[in-house]
Structure formats: C-alpha cells, structure tokens
Amino acid sequence: MKKICLMAFALVIAFISCKKDPEPEPEPHPSPTKVDSLTNKLSDLELFFGTLKDLNPTDNVVEYDLNTPLYSDYASKRRFIYLPTGKQMTFKASGAFDFPDGAIILKTFYFNNDFRNTALGQKIIETRVLFKKDGSWIFASYQWNDEQTEAFLSEESKEVNITWKDINGIAQNTNYYVPAPNECGQCHENNEDILPLGIEARHLNRNFTYGNDTKNQLEYFKEKAFINTLPAINTIAKAPVWNDPSTGTLEQRARAYLDINCGHCHNPTGTANYTIHLNWEAADNMLGKCKMPDYGSRGGGFTYDIVPGKADSSVMTYRMKSTLNMDKMPPVAKSFTHQEGVQLIKDWINTMSGGCPE
C-alpha cells in the first residue's frame, strides 16, 4: 500500500512539473486617455515607451502593415494607430475606415544601413502624422535628429542625404525628400476631403507579429476593441503582395501596386480624376490603354499612356522611371526609381495584346 501511495505521489509531482506555467501578463504601458493637440516633441505625445527610436507602442497604440505598401525611395516604414480610450474605428468593406476625433495615425520612415542585415542599424528620417480633430484630419511632420534620440515637429520640407547597401550589397545614395505638411494633401485629398491612405480592409487583411504571436491584423484590432465590428475574415477582400507571385496573378499584383502608389489620385474622386484611373476598382477601359496622355510634353515623346505589348513605348513606364520634376510619377517625394516596381508594370504591359493605332 505504501508503495502504491509513493507511486501515486510521484505521478502527481511529475504532472505538476510538466504542466506549463501560464503566460505572464504583459506589463502595462498606459497611453494618454486622449490627445487634445500635437506636441513639439514626438516623445511628449507619450505614445511610445522606453527608448524612443525603438518605437515600442503603449497600450492604446497598435502597429500594423500593408499587403502592398507605398514606395518611398526604398525607405522602410513602421505604422501605428492611436485611439483615445473607449473610442473605435468603424469598419468599411471598401474605402478608408472612419476614425473618431483624437485618433492619430503615425508612419515612421527609416533606412537600414545594409538591407542584407538589419542588425547593422538604421537611420530614422521622419515620422508623419495624421491627427483627427473636430472632424478633420491635420497633417504633421516630426523630423528626427542625427542622434536618433528625438523627433521635432516641423512645418518645413528638407532633403536628407542617405546612403545604404541594397539587397545585393551595392552602395546606394539619394537625397531623400521630407515633404512639408502642407504638401500631403496632394495625395490624401479625395473628393475635397482628406482621407488616410492604406487604412482599408483589403490592405490590412494580413498577418502581423505581435510579441510572440502572429495574428490577422483585423482580428487583432477587434480583440483590442479598436474596431467596432468585423465580418468573417474569409469574406473580406485581400490585396495581393506586389512581389509575391503566390498571392496573385501578374495582373493582380500589378494592379495592387498601381492602386497603392497611384490610385489615391487616379480615381473618380481623386485629384487626378480627369486622367486615367488606377485604383483597384478601375475598369479596364480606364487604365490608359491607347489613351493619349493629358500632358503630352511630360510623356517622353511617347503617344499613349499604355501601349499593349510595348512597355518601353508607354508613357506610364516612362513616368514611373523618370526622376525629372516635371515628368516623374508619383510627383511628390520621389528621387530614386523603384526598379523592381517598374519591372512589374513592364512585365504586365508586355503580356497585353492588341497594340495601338500608329
């Protein structure tokens, strides 16, 4: 009997020792319950804890990413949303989500010193901010100091010389342009209103790693009570990743790239609504096939926006490659051609058939 009791006791001890300890509760890092106005220093917003350049979000801040992001001279970006306590975004199946007053959207631009090894450090350039106040969005720009210890509110544009090694180990250099806040409306204006870019269901429907867990971003927003309602994930549109063939066809990936990089202006209610339409929903006959450009002098001498089967004779690829101020597309904050993006669009155009009248 004693032997049986000892065996039972040993089994209990073994079970207890094998049982997993519960996951520790994350340490709280409270955010402000609300933000009434933007501060002169980024740190004074109290949206990040610890060393500022690490961008560790406080409790009312969530990080997110996009399936296909906007190209910005090869800069990398980290994106965050802050909501006042008890406030939520409103989900929309299409179009930008609605935000409450006091919401802040932050996008920090940085360059890795070596794209082959991020452990070799980075240089943060700017943090752009959209702040919702009295029903309207306010643009702001925080420019980082050389010491990477603080970012300061600025109304001025500037150029920053950046050097890095690309994914092939080749040294690159550009004068990165930091736009002034009053320039932001060129891309964000839609139907005489200001809207956030990228905060749409199809761009956000993707996984992201939060701490040790990888979760669908939209489901995480719902879990954090950041969003008021959420349909089943498998019913929500999902944009392809422009450089990942497993996520869509060549045409779908090209359209996703044009949508995020050009579609905010080139759509029926955008600032370039009178030209070609390049938003995701645009009809095929609005993409510019065999259409003469509205600004012929900016077309590099080519006749049509898109010549099916002839990417090198198309105005679209010429303007995407160009860095000339009068010709380049997008027209703002681009000084360095996105070679891979241009190649994607060229590959797509070259698969088209039909040609154009001579």
Foldseek 3Di string as FASTA:
>chain_A
DVVVVVVVVVVVVVVVVPDDDDDDDDDAQDAALFDPDDDFWPVVNSQADDQVLVRHGHLQKDWAFWLAAADFQPWDKTKMKGAHPPFAWEADLWDAIHGDARIKIKMWTKAQQEQQDSVNDIGTAKIWMWHHHPNATATWIWGADPVRRITGTDQDKAWDWDWHQYNVRHIDIDGFIGHGRVVVCLQQAFLNGGGDAQNHQQTQQDWDDDPNDIDRRVVVCVVSVRYDDDDPSVVGHHQHRLPDCVRDHLVSSLLSNCQRQPQSQQDCGHVVVVAAHRHNPGDPVRNWEQHAGPDNVLQPNAGTQAFALCLVRHSVLVQLQDQDCSHHPPNPRDRHHPVVSSVSVSVVSNVGDDGYDD
